[in-house]
Amino acid sequence: RVEPLIPRGEVVTVFRPMDGRSHNDHDNYLAAVGLLP
């Protein structure tokens, strides 16, 4: 759903926030590496 809203080649990070802050969420980040080629 969000992929069409982000221009191709842009820098993106993906995570599940903890208390509203980013953290090292490897599961979602690595899934995004494969899903946002």
PDB file of all heavy atoms in Angstrom:
ATOM      1  N   ARG A   1       0.815  -1.220   0.000  1.00  0.00           N
ATOM      2  CA  ARG A   1       0.000   0.000   0.000  1.00  0.00           C
ATOM      3  C   ARG A   1       0.846   1.268   0.000  1.00  0.00           C
ATOM      4  O   ARG A   1       0.476   2.263  -0.606  1.00  0.00           O
ATOM      5  CB  ARG A   1      -0.909   0.022   1.221  1.00  0.00           C
ATOM      6  CG  ARG A   1      -1.974  -1.032   1.209  1.00  0.00           C
ATOM      7  CD  ARG A   1      -2.790  -0.918   2.451  1.00  0.00           C
ATOM      8  NE  ARG A   1      -3.855  -1.900   2.495  1.00  0.00           N
ATOM      9  CZ  ARG A   1      -4.642  -2.062   3.520  1.00  0.00           C
ATOM     10  NH1 ARG A   1      -4.501  -1.319   4.592  1.00  0.00           N
ATOM     11  NH2 ARG A   1      -5.579  -2.976   3.490  1.00  0.00           N
ATOM     12  N   VAL A   2       1.961   1.238   0.727  1.00  0.00           N
ATOM     13  CA  VAL A   2       2.783   2.454   0.823  1.00  0.00           C
ATOM     14  C   VAL A   2       3.789   2.572  -0.316  1.00  0.00           C
ATOM     15  O   VAL A   2       4.240   3.671  -0.625  1.00  0.00           O
ATOM     16  CB  VAL A   2       3.512   2.557   2.186  1.00  0.00           C
ATOM     17  CG1 VAL A   2       2.531   2.591   3.319  1.00  0.00           C
ATOM     18  CG2 VAL A   2       4.541   1.492   2.370  1.00  0.00           C
ATOM     19  N   GLU A   3       4.131   1.467  -0.945  1.00  0.00           N
ATOM     20  CA  GLU A   3       5.141   1.507  -2.012  1.00  0.00           C
ATOM     21  C   GLU A   3       4.816   2.516  -3.118  1.00  0.00           C
ATOM     22  O   GLU A   3       5.694   3.266  -3.538  1.00  0.00           O
ATOM     23  CB  GLU A   3       5.359   0.117  -2.597  1.00  0.00           C
ATOM     24  CG  GLU A   3       6.462   0.092  -3.634  1.00  0.00           C
ATOM     25  CD  GLU A   3       6.691  -1.283  -4.221  1.00  0.00           C
ATOM     26  OE1 GLU A   3       5.786  -2.132  -4.139  1.00  0.00           O
ATOM     27  OE2 GLU A   3       7.780  -1.479  -4.785  1.00  0.00           O
ATOM     28  N   PRO A   4       3.571   2.605  -3.596  1.00  0.00           N
ATOM     29  CA  PRO A   4       3.288   3.592  -4.649  1.00  0.00           C
ATOM     30  C   PRO A   4       3.416   5.046  -4.179  1.00  0.00           C
ATOM     31  O   PRO A   4       3.567   5.946  -5.000  1.00  0.00           O
ATOM     32  CB  PRO A   4       1.836   3.302  -5.046  1.00  0.00           C
ATOM     33  CG  PRO A   4       1.525   1.958  -4.516  1.00  0.00           C
ATOM     34  CD  PRO A   4       2.421   1.736  -3.352  1.00  0.00           C
ATOM     35  N   LEU A   5       3.377   5.281  -2.884  1.00  0.00           N
ATOM     36  CA  LEU A   5       3.476   6.639  -2.353  1.00  0.00           C
ATOM     37  C   LEU A   5       4.921   7.117  -2.216  1.00  0.00           C
ATOM     38  O   LEU A   5       5.167   8.304  -2.041  1.00  0.00           O
ATOM     39  CB  LEU A   5       2.792   6.720  -0.983  1.00  0.00           C
ATOM     40  CG  LEU A   5       1.317   6.310  -0.950  1.00  0.00           C
ATOM     41  CD1 LEU A   5       0.808   6.295   0.485  1.00  0.00           C
ATOM     42  CD2 LEU A   5       0.488   7.239  -1.811  1.00  0.00           C
ATOM     43  N   ILE A   6       5.874   6.192  -2.273  1.00  0.00           N
ATOM     44  CA  ILE A   6       7.290   6.521  -2.124  1.00  0.00           C
ATOM     45  C   ILE A   6       7.941   6.471  -3.501  1.00  0.00           C
ATOM     46  O   ILE A   6       7.914   5.435  -4.164  1.00  0.00           O
ATOM     47  CB  ILE A   6       7.989   5.523  -1.182  1.00  0.00           C
ATOM     48  CG1 ILE A   6       7.270   5.456   0.165  1.00  0.00           C
ATOM     49  CG2 ILE A   6       9.442   5.906  -0.993  1.00  0.00           C
ATOM     50  CD1 ILE A   6       7.745   4.324   1.050  1.00  0.00           C
ATOM     51  N   PRO A   7       8.553   7.576  -3.946  1.00  0.00           N
ATOM     52  CA  PRO A   7       9.220   7.553  -5.254  1.00  0.00           C
ATOM     53  C   PRO A   7      10.322   6.487  -5.307  1.00  0.00           C
ATOM     54  O   PRO A   7      10.987   6.209  -4.304  1.00  0.00           O
ATOM     55  CB  PRO A   7       9.814   8.959  -5.377  1.00  0.00           C
ATOM     56  CG  PRO A   7       9.013   9.798  -4.441  1.00  0.00           C
ATOM     57  CD  PRO A   7       8.617   8.898  -3.319  1.00  0.00           C
ATOM     58  N   ARG A   8      10.504   5.919  -6.485  1.00  0.00           N
ATOM     59  CA  ARG A   8      11.535   4.893  -6.675  1.00  0.00           C
ATOM     60  C   ARG A   8      12.912   5.445  -6.309  1.00  0.00           C
ATOM     61  O   ARG A   8      13.223   6.598  -6.581  1.00  0.00           O
ATOM     62  CB  ARG A   8      11.573   4.433  -8.120  1.00  0.00           C
ATOM     63  CG  ARG A   8      10.512   3.462  -8.449  1.00  0.00           C
ATOM     64  CD  ARG A   8      10.642   3.004  -9.874  1.00  0.00           C
ATOM     65  NE  ARG A   8      10.004   1.703  -9.984  1.00  0.00           N
ATOM     66  CZ  ARG A   8      10.401   0.753 -10.789  1.00  0.00           C
ATOM     67  NH1 ARG A   8      11.420   0.943 -11.577  1.00  0.00           N
ATOM     68  NH2 ARG A   8       9.775  -0.396 -10.820  1.00  0.00           N
ATOM     69  N   GLY A   9      13.719   4.582  -5.708  1.00  0.00           N
ATOM     70  CA  GLY A   9      15.087   4.939  -5.372  1.00  0.00           C
ATOM     71  C   GLY A   9      15.245   5.698  -4.060  1.00  0.00           C
ATOM     72  O   GLY A   9      16.365   5.960  -3.636  1.00  0.00           O
ATOM     73  N   GLU A  10      14.151   6.051  -3.417  1.00  0.00           N
ATOM     74  CA  GLU A  10      14.222   6.802  -2.157  1.00  0.00           C
ATOM     75  C   GLU A  10      14.726   5.919  -1.020  1.00  0.00           C
ATOM     76  O   GLU A  10      14.592   4.701  -1.049  1.00  0.00           O
ATOM     77  CB  GLU A  10      12.851   7.370  -1.790  1.00  0.00           C
ATOM     78  CG  GLU A  10      12.384   8.479  -2.702  1.00  0.00           C
ATOM     79  CD  GLU A  10      13.079   9.798  -2.444  1.00  0.00           C
ATOM     80  OE1 GLU A  10      13.453  10.071  -1.288  1.00  0.00           O
ATOM     81  OE2 GLU A  10      13.243  10.558  -3.402  1.00  0.00           O
ATOM     82  N   VAL A  11      15.271   6.577   0.002  1.00  0.00           N
ATOM     83  CA  VAL A  11      15.786   5.887   1.177  1.00  0.00           C
ATOM     84  C   VAL A  11      14.646   5.691   2.170  1.00  0.00           C
ATOM     85  O   VAL A  11      13.974   6.650   2.562  1.00  0.00           O
ATOM     86  CB  VAL A  11      16.933   6.682   1.820  1.00  0.00           C
ATOM     87  CG1 VAL A  11      17.405   6.005   3.091  1.00  0.00           C
ATOM     88  CG2 VAL A  11      18.073   6.849   0.833  1.00  0.00           C
ATOM     89  N   VAL A  12      14.413   4.430   2.579  1.00  0.00           N
ATOM     90  CA  VAL A  12      13.290   4.063   3.448  1.00  0.00           C
ATOM     91  C   VAL A  12      13.816   3.216   4.596  1.00  0.00           C
ATOM     92  O   VAL A  12      14.736   2.416   4.420  1.00  0.00           O
ATOM     93  CB  VAL A  12      12.241   3.237   2.673  1.00  0.00           C
ATOM     94  CG1 VAL A  12      11.044   2.902   3.543  1.00  0.00           C
ATOM     95  CG2 VAL A  12      11.812   3.938   1.409  1.00  0.00           C
ATOM     96  N   THR A  13      13.217   3.375   5.759  1.00  0.00           N
ATOM     97  CA  THR A  13      13.444   2.442   6.852  1.00  0.00           C
ATOM     98  C   THR A  13      12.101   1.971   7.371  1.00  0.00           C
ATOM     99  O   THR A  13      11.114   2.703   7.282  1.00  0.00           O
ATOM    100  CB  THR A  13      14.302   3.047   7.982  1.00  0.00           C
ATOM    101  OG1 THR A  13      14.638   2.013   8.904  1.00  0.00           O
ATOM    102  CG2 THR A  13      13.592   4.164   8.705  1.00  0.00           C
ATOM    103  N   VAL A  14      12.068   0.745   7.853  1.00  0.00           N
ATOM    104  CA  VAL A  14      10.816   0.118   8.294  1.00  0.00           C
ATOM    105  C   VAL A  14      11.064  -0.529   9.655  1.00  0.00           C
ATOM    106  O   VAL A  14      12.050  -1.240   9.835  1.00  0.00           O
ATOM    107  CB  VAL A  14      10.349  -0.948   7.281  1.00  0.00           C
ATOM    108  CG1 VAL A  14       9.073  -1.611   7.744  1.00  0.00           C
ATOM    109  CG2 VAL A  14      10.165  -0.324   5.903  1.00  0.00           C
ATOM    110  N   PHE A  15      10.158  -0.270  10.598  1.00  0.00           N
ATOM    111  CA  PHE A  15      10.277  -0.876  11.923  1.00  0.00           C
ATOM    112  C   PHE A  15       8.945  -0.779  12.652  1.00  0.00           C
ATOM    113  O   PHE A  15       8.053  -0.043  12.256  1.00  0.00           O
ATOM    114  CB  PHE A  15      11.378  -0.196  12.749  1.00  0.00           C
ATOM    115  CG  PHE A  15      11.217   1.292  12.852  1.00  0.00           C
ATOM    116  CD1 PHE A  15      10.432   1.853  13.850  1.00  0.00           C
ATOM    117  CD2 PHE A  15      11.841   2.132  11.950  1.00  0.00           C
ATOM    118  CE1 PHE A  15      10.270   3.220  13.940  1.00  0.00           C
ATOM    119  CE2 PHE A  15      11.685   3.503  12.033  1.00  0.00           C
ATOM    120  CZ  PHE A  15      10.898   4.047  13.037  1.00  0.00           C
ATOM    121  N   ARG A  16       8.845  -1.527  13.748  1.00  0.00           N
ATOM    122  CA  ARG A  16       7.702  -1.465  14.655  1.00  0.00           C
ATOM    123  C   ARG A  16       8.150  -0.609  15.832  1.00  0.00           C
ATOM    124  O   ARG A  16       9.009  -1.029  16.610  1.00  0.00           O
ATOM    125  CB  ARG A  16       7.315  -2.867  15.120  1.00  0.00           C
ATOM    126  CG  ARG A  16       6.118  -2.906  16.061  1.00  0.00           C
ATOM    127  CD  ARG A  16       5.822  -4.337  16.506  1.00  0.00           C
ATOM    128  NE  ARG A  16       5.602  -5.242  15.395  1.00  0.00           N
ATOM    129  CZ  ARG A  16       4.419  -5.471  14.833  1.00  0.00           C
ATOM    130  NH1 ARG A  16       3.347  -4.871  15.307  1.00  0.00           N
ATOM    131  NH2 ARG A  16       4.289  -6.300  13.828  1.00  0.00           N
ATOM    132  N   PRO A  17       7.601   0.607  15.986  1.00  0.00           N
ATOM    133  CA  PRO A  17       8.043   1.485  17.078  1.00  0.00           C
ATOM    134  C   PRO A  17       7.785   0.881  18.463  1.00  0.00           C
ATOM    135  O   PRO A  17       6.815   0.159  18.664  1.00  0.00           O
ATOM    136  CB  PRO A  17       7.204   2.748  16.895  1.00  0.00           C
ATOM    137  CG  PRO A  17       6.741   2.709  15.486  1.00  0.00           C
ATOM    138  CD  PRO A  17       6.600   1.256  15.153  1.00  0.00           C
ATOM    139  N   MET A  18       8.677   1.216  19.380  1.00  0.00           N
ATOM    140  CA  MET A  18       8.499   0.855  20.792  1.00  0.00           C
ATOM    141  C   MET A  18       8.380   2.172  21.553  1.00  0.00           C
ATOM    142  O   MET A  18       9.306   2.988  21.520  1.00  0.00           O
ATOM    143  CB  MET A  18       9.682   0.055  21.327  1.00  0.00           C
ATOM    144  CG  MET A  18       9.773  -1.337  20.774  1.00  0.00           C
ATOM    145  SD  MET A  18      11.152  -2.247  21.468  1.00  0.00           S
ATOM    146  CE  MET A  18      10.419  -2.818  22.981  1.00  0.00           C
ATOM    147  N   ASP A  19       7.235   2.381  22.188  1.00  0.00           N
ATOM    148  CA  ASP A  19       6.961   3.634  22.903  1.00  0.00           C
ATOM    149  C   ASP A  19       7.135   4.847  21.988  1.00  0.00           C
ATOM    150  O   ASP A  19       7.637   5.888  22.407  1.00  0.00           O
ATOM    151  CB  ASP A  19       7.855   3.763  24.138  1.00  0.00           C
ATOM    152  CG  ASP A  19       7.631   2.639  25.125  1.00  0.00           C
ATOM    153  OD1 ASP A  19       6.463   2.204  25.259  1.00  0.00           O
ATOM    154  OD2 ASP A  19       8.603   2.177  25.749  1.00  0.00           O
ATOM    155  N   GLY A  20       6.767   4.698  20.720  1.00  0.00           N
ATOM    156  CA  GLY A  20       6.825   5.795  19.768  1.00  0.00           C
ATOM    157  C   GLY A  20       8.198   6.071  19.188  1.00  0.00           C
ATOM    158  O   GLY A  20       8.368   6.976  18.389  1.00  0.00           O
ATOM    159  N   ARG A  21       9.202   5.294  19.564  1.00  0.00           N
ATOM    160  CA  ARG A  21      10.577   5.513  19.096  1.00  0.00           C
ATOM    161  C   ARG A  21      11.038   4.335  18.240  1.00  0.00           C
ATOM    162  O   ARG A  21      10.576   3.206  18.397  1.00  0.00           O
ATOM    163  CB  ARG A  21      11.511   5.706  20.278  1.00  0.00           C
ATOM    164  CG  ARG A  21      11.163   6.929  21.115  1.00  0.00           C
ATOM    165  CD  ARG A  21      12.043   7.025  22.324  1.00  0.00           C
ATOM    166  NE  ARG A  21      13.419   7.317  21.972  1.00  0.00           N
ATOM    167  CZ  ARG A  21      13.997   8.499  22.151  1.00  0.00           C
ATOM    168  NH1 ARG A  21      13.317   9.491  22.664  1.00  0.00           N
ATOM    169  NH2 ARG A  21      15.256   8.679  21.825  1.00  0.00           N
ATOM    170  N   SER A  22      12.005   4.611  17.377  1.00  0.00           N
ATOM    171  CA  SER A  22      12.557   3.538  16.548  1.00  0.00           C
ATOM    172  C   SER A  22      13.524   2.694  17.378  1.00  0.00           C
ATOM    173  O   SER A  22      14.081   3.162  18.370  1.00  0.00           O
ATOM    174  CB  SER A  22      13.267   4.126  15.331  1.00  0.00           C
ATOM    175  OG  SER A  22      14.336   4.937  15.738  1.00  0.00           O
ATOM    176  N   HIS A  23      13.682   1.470  16.958  1.00  0.00           N
ATOM    177  CA  HIS A  23      14.637   0.558  17.584  1.00  0.00           C
ATOM    178  C   HIS A  23      15.050  -0.450  16.526  1.00  0.00           C
ATOM    179  O   HIS A  23      14.530  -0.468  15.419  1.00  0.00           O
ATOM    180  CB  HIS A  23      14.018  -0.139  18.810  1.00  0.00           C
ATOM    181  CG  HIS A  23      12.932  -1.101  18.456  1.00  0.00           C
ATOM    182  ND1 HIS A  23      13.139  -2.454  18.408  1.00  0.00           N
ATOM    183  CD2 HIS A  23      11.641  -0.908  18.103  1.00  0.00           C
ATOM    184  CE1 HIS A  23      12.017  -3.045  18.050  1.00  0.00           C
ATOM    185  NE2 HIS A  23      11.097  -2.138  17.857  1.00  0.00           N
ATOM    186  N   ASN A  24      16.010  -1.284  16.840  1.00  0.00           N
ATOM    187  CA  ASN A  24      16.505  -2.266  15.881  1.00  0.00           C
ATOM    188  C   ASN A  24      15.523  -3.430  15.756  1.00  0.00           C
ATOM    189  O   ASN A  24      15.630  -4.423  16.444  1.00  0.00           O
ATOM    190  CB  ASN A  24      17.894  -2.761  16.288  1.00  0.00           C
ATOM    191  CG  ASN A  24      18.934  -1.700  16.083  1.00  0.00           C
ATOM    192  OD1 ASN A  24      18.859  -0.924  15.139  1.00  0.00           O
ATOM    193  ND2 ASN A  24      19.899  -1.626  16.979  1.00  0.00           N
ATOM    194  N   ASP A  25      14.587  -3.274  14.843  1.00  0.00           N
ATOM    195  CA  ASP A  25      13.554  -4.268  14.579  1.00  0.00           C
ATOM    196  C   ASP A  25      13.952  -5.032  13.315  1.00  0.00           C
ATOM    197  O   ASP A  25      13.580  -4.666  12.206  1.00  0.00           O
ATOM    198  CB  ASP A  25      12.213  -3.557  14.393  1.00  0.00           C
ATOM    199  CG  ASP A  25      11.089  -4.498  14.055  1.00  0.00           C
ATOM    200  OD1 ASP A  25      11.275  -5.718  14.163  1.00  0.00           O
ATOM    201  OD2 ASP A  25      10.008  -4.006  13.687  1.00  0.00           O
ATOM    202  N   HIS A  26      14.723  -6.075  13.492  1.00  0.00           N
ATOM    203  CA  HIS A  26      15.291  -6.783  12.349  1.00  0.00           C
ATOM    204  C   HIS A  26      14.250  -7.526  11.516  1.00  0.00           C
ATOM    205  O   HIS A  26      14.380  -7.588  10.295  1.00  0.00           O
ATOM    206  CB  HIS A  26      16.381  -7.749  12.818  1.00  0.00           C
ATOM    207  CG  HIS A  26      17.491  -7.070  13.535  1.00  0.00           C
ATOM    208  ND1 HIS A  26      18.361  -6.199  12.911  1.00  0.00           N
ATOM    209  CD2 HIS A  26      17.867  -7.097  14.830  1.00  0.00           C
ATOM    210  CE1 HIS A  26      19.227  -5.736  13.780  1.00  0.00           C
ATOM    211  NE2 HIS A  26      18.950  -6.265  14.968  1.00  0.00           N
ATOM    212  N   ASP A  27      13.219  -8.084  12.154  1.00  0.00           N
ATOM    213  CA  ASP A  27      12.223  -8.858  11.403  1.00  0.00           C
ATOM    214  C   ASP A  27      11.530  -8.011  10.341  1.00  0.00           C
ATOM    215  O   ASP A  27      11.460  -8.384   9.167  1.00  0.00           O
ATOM    216  CB  ASP A  27      11.174  -9.450  12.347  1.00  0.00           C
ATOM    217  CG  ASP A  27      11.743 -10.524  13.253  1.00  0.00           C
ATOM    218  OD1 ASP A  27      12.817 -11.067  12.931  1.00  0.00           O
ATOM    219  OD2 ASP A  27      11.109 -10.823  14.277  1.00  0.00           O
ATOM    220  N   ASN A  28      11.000  -6.862  10.739  1.00  0.00           N
ATOM    221  CA  ASN A  28      10.277  -6.008   9.793  1.00  0.00           C
ATOM    222  C   ASN A  28      11.221  -5.333   8.808  1.00  0.00           C
ATOM    223  O   ASN A  28      10.898  -5.175   7.634  1.00  0.00           O
ATOM    224  CB  ASN A  28       9.440  -4.984  10.549  1.00  0.00           C
ATOM    225  CG  ASN A  28       8.271  -5.627  11.245  1.00  0.00           C
ATOM    226  OD1 ASN A  28       7.445  -6.266  10.613  1.00  0.00           O
ATOM    227  ND2 ASN A  28       8.204  -5.504  12.554  1.00  0.00           N
ATOM    228  N   TYR A  29      12.390  -4.947   9.266  1.00  0.00           N
ATOM    229  CA  TYR A  29      13.377  -4.326   8.370  1.00  0.00           C
ATOM    230  C   TYR A  29      13.789  -5.295   7.266  1.00  0.00           C
ATOM    231  O   TYR A  29      13.801  -4.950   6.082  1.00  0.00           O
ATOM    232  CB  TYR A  29      14.593  -3.856   9.176  1.00  0.00           C
ATOM    233  CG  TYR A  29      15.850  -3.719   8.368  1.00  0.00           C
ATOM    234  CD1 TYR A  29      15.965  -2.747   7.370  1.00  0.00           C
ATOM    235  CD2 TYR A  29      16.935  -4.564   8.571  1.00  0.00           C
ATOM    236  CE1 TYR A  29      17.122  -2.627   6.611  1.00  0.00           C
ATOM    237  CE2 TYR A  29      18.088  -4.449   7.828  1.00  0.00           C
ATOM    238  CZ  TYR A  29      18.179  -3.491   6.854  1.00  0.00           C
ATOM    239  OH  TYR A  29      19.312  -3.373   6.100  1.00  0.00           O
ATOM    240  N   LEU A  30      14.107  -6.531   7.637  1.00  0.00           N
ATOM    241  CA  LEU A  30      14.543  -7.503   6.629  1.00  0.00           C
ATOM    242  C   LEU A  30      13.409  -7.907   5.693  1.00  0.00           C
ATOM    243  O   LEU A  30      13.638  -8.157   4.509  1.00  0.00           O
ATOM    244  CB  LEU A  30      15.151  -8.720   7.315  1.00  0.00           C
ATOM    245  CG  LEU A  30      16.482  -8.447   8.026  1.00  0.00           C
ATOM    246  CD1 LEU A  30      16.937  -9.667   8.806  1.00  0.00           C
ATOM    247  CD2 LEU A  30      17.547  -8.006   7.039  1.00  0.00           C
ATOM    248  N   ALA A  31      12.181  -7.946   6.200  1.00  0.00           N
ATOM    249  CA  ALA A  31      11.037  -8.212   5.322  1.00  0.00           C
ATOM    250  C   ALA A  31      10.904  -7.087   4.297  1.00  0.00           C
ATOM    251  O   ALA A  31      10.615  -7.322   3.121  1.00  0.00           O
ATOM    252  CB  ALA A  31       9.757  -8.350   6.135  1.00  0.00           C
ATOM    253  N   ALA A  32      11.129  -5.846   4.735  1.00  0.00           N
ATOM    254  CA  ALA A  32      11.026  -4.697   3.834  1.00  0.00           C
ATOM    255  C   ALA A  32      12.119  -4.718   2.766  1.00  0.00           C
ATOM    256  O   ALA A  32      11.887  -4.282   1.631  1.00  0.00           O
ATOM    257  CB  ALA A  32      11.101  -3.407   4.629  1.00  0.00           C
ATOM    258  N   VAL A  33      13.303  -5.217   3.101  1.00  0.00           N
ATOM    259  CA  VAL A  33      14.375  -5.321   2.104  1.00  0.00           C
ATOM    260  C   VAL A  33      13.901  -6.156   0.918  1.00  0.00           C
ATOM    261  O   VAL A  33      14.147  -5.806  -0.236  1.00  0.00           O
ATOM    262  CB  VAL A  33      15.652  -5.919   2.736  1.00  0.00           C
ATOM    263  CG1 VAL A  33      16.675  -6.277   1.671  1.00  0.00           C
ATOM    264  CG2 VAL A  33      16.255  -4.953   3.744  1.00  0.00           C
ATOM    265  N   GLY A  34      13.193  -7.220   1.198  1.00  0.00           N
ATOM    266  CA  GLY A  34      12.693  -8.076   0.119  1.00  0.00           C
ATOM    267  C   GLY A  34      11.450  -7.540  -0.561  1.00  0.00           C
ATOM    268  O   GLY A  34      11.234  -7.781  -1.743  1.00  0.00           O
ATOM    269  N   LEU A  35      10.614  -6.791   0.168  1.00  0.00           N
ATOM    270  CA  LEU A  35       9.339  -6.329  -0.376  1.00  0.00           C
ATOM    271  C   LEU A  35       9.408  -4.961  -1.047  1.00  0.00           C
ATOM    272  O   LEU A  35       8.448  -4.548  -1.689  1.00  0.00           O
ATOM    273  CB  LEU A  35       8.285  -6.305   0.728  1.00  0.00           C
ATOM    274  CG  LEU A  35       7.891  -7.692   1.252  1.00  0.00           C
ATOM    275  CD1 LEU A  35       7.038  -7.564   2.514  1.00  0.00           C
ATOM    276  CD2 LEU A  35       7.140  -8.460   0.193  1.00  0.00           C
ATOM    277  N   LEU A  36      10.516  -4.250  -0.882  1.00  0.00           N
ATOM    278  CA  LEU A  36      10.683  -2.941  -1.533  1.00  0.00           C
ATOM    279  C   LEU A  36      11.928  -2.960  -2.421  1.00  0.00           C
ATOM    280  O   LEU A  36      12.923  -2.279  -2.156  1.00  0.00           O
ATOM    281  CB  LEU A  36      10.806  -1.828  -0.476  1.00  0.00           C
ATOM    282  CG  LEU A  36       9.582  -1.578   0.397  1.00  0.00           C
ATOM    283  CD1 LEU A  36       9.908  -0.568   1.496  1.00  0.00           C
ATOM    284  CD2 LEU A  36       8.412  -1.106  -0.439  1.00  0.00           C
ATOM    285  N   PRO A  37      11.903  -3.731  -3.504  1.00  0.00           N
ATOM    286  CA  PRO A  37      13.108  -3.873  -4.328  1.00  0.00           C
ATOM    287  C   PRO A  37      13.506  -2.607  -5.085  1.00  0.00           C
ATOM    288  O   PRO A  37      14.655  -2.492  -5.514  1.00  0.00           O
ATOM    289  CB  PRO A  37      12.732  -4.994  -5.298  1.00  0.00           C
ATOM    290  CG  PRO A  37      11.251  -4.905  -5.414  1.00  0.00           C
ATOM    291  CD  PRO A  37      10.770  -4.481  -4.051  1.00  0.00           C
TER     292      PRO A  37
END
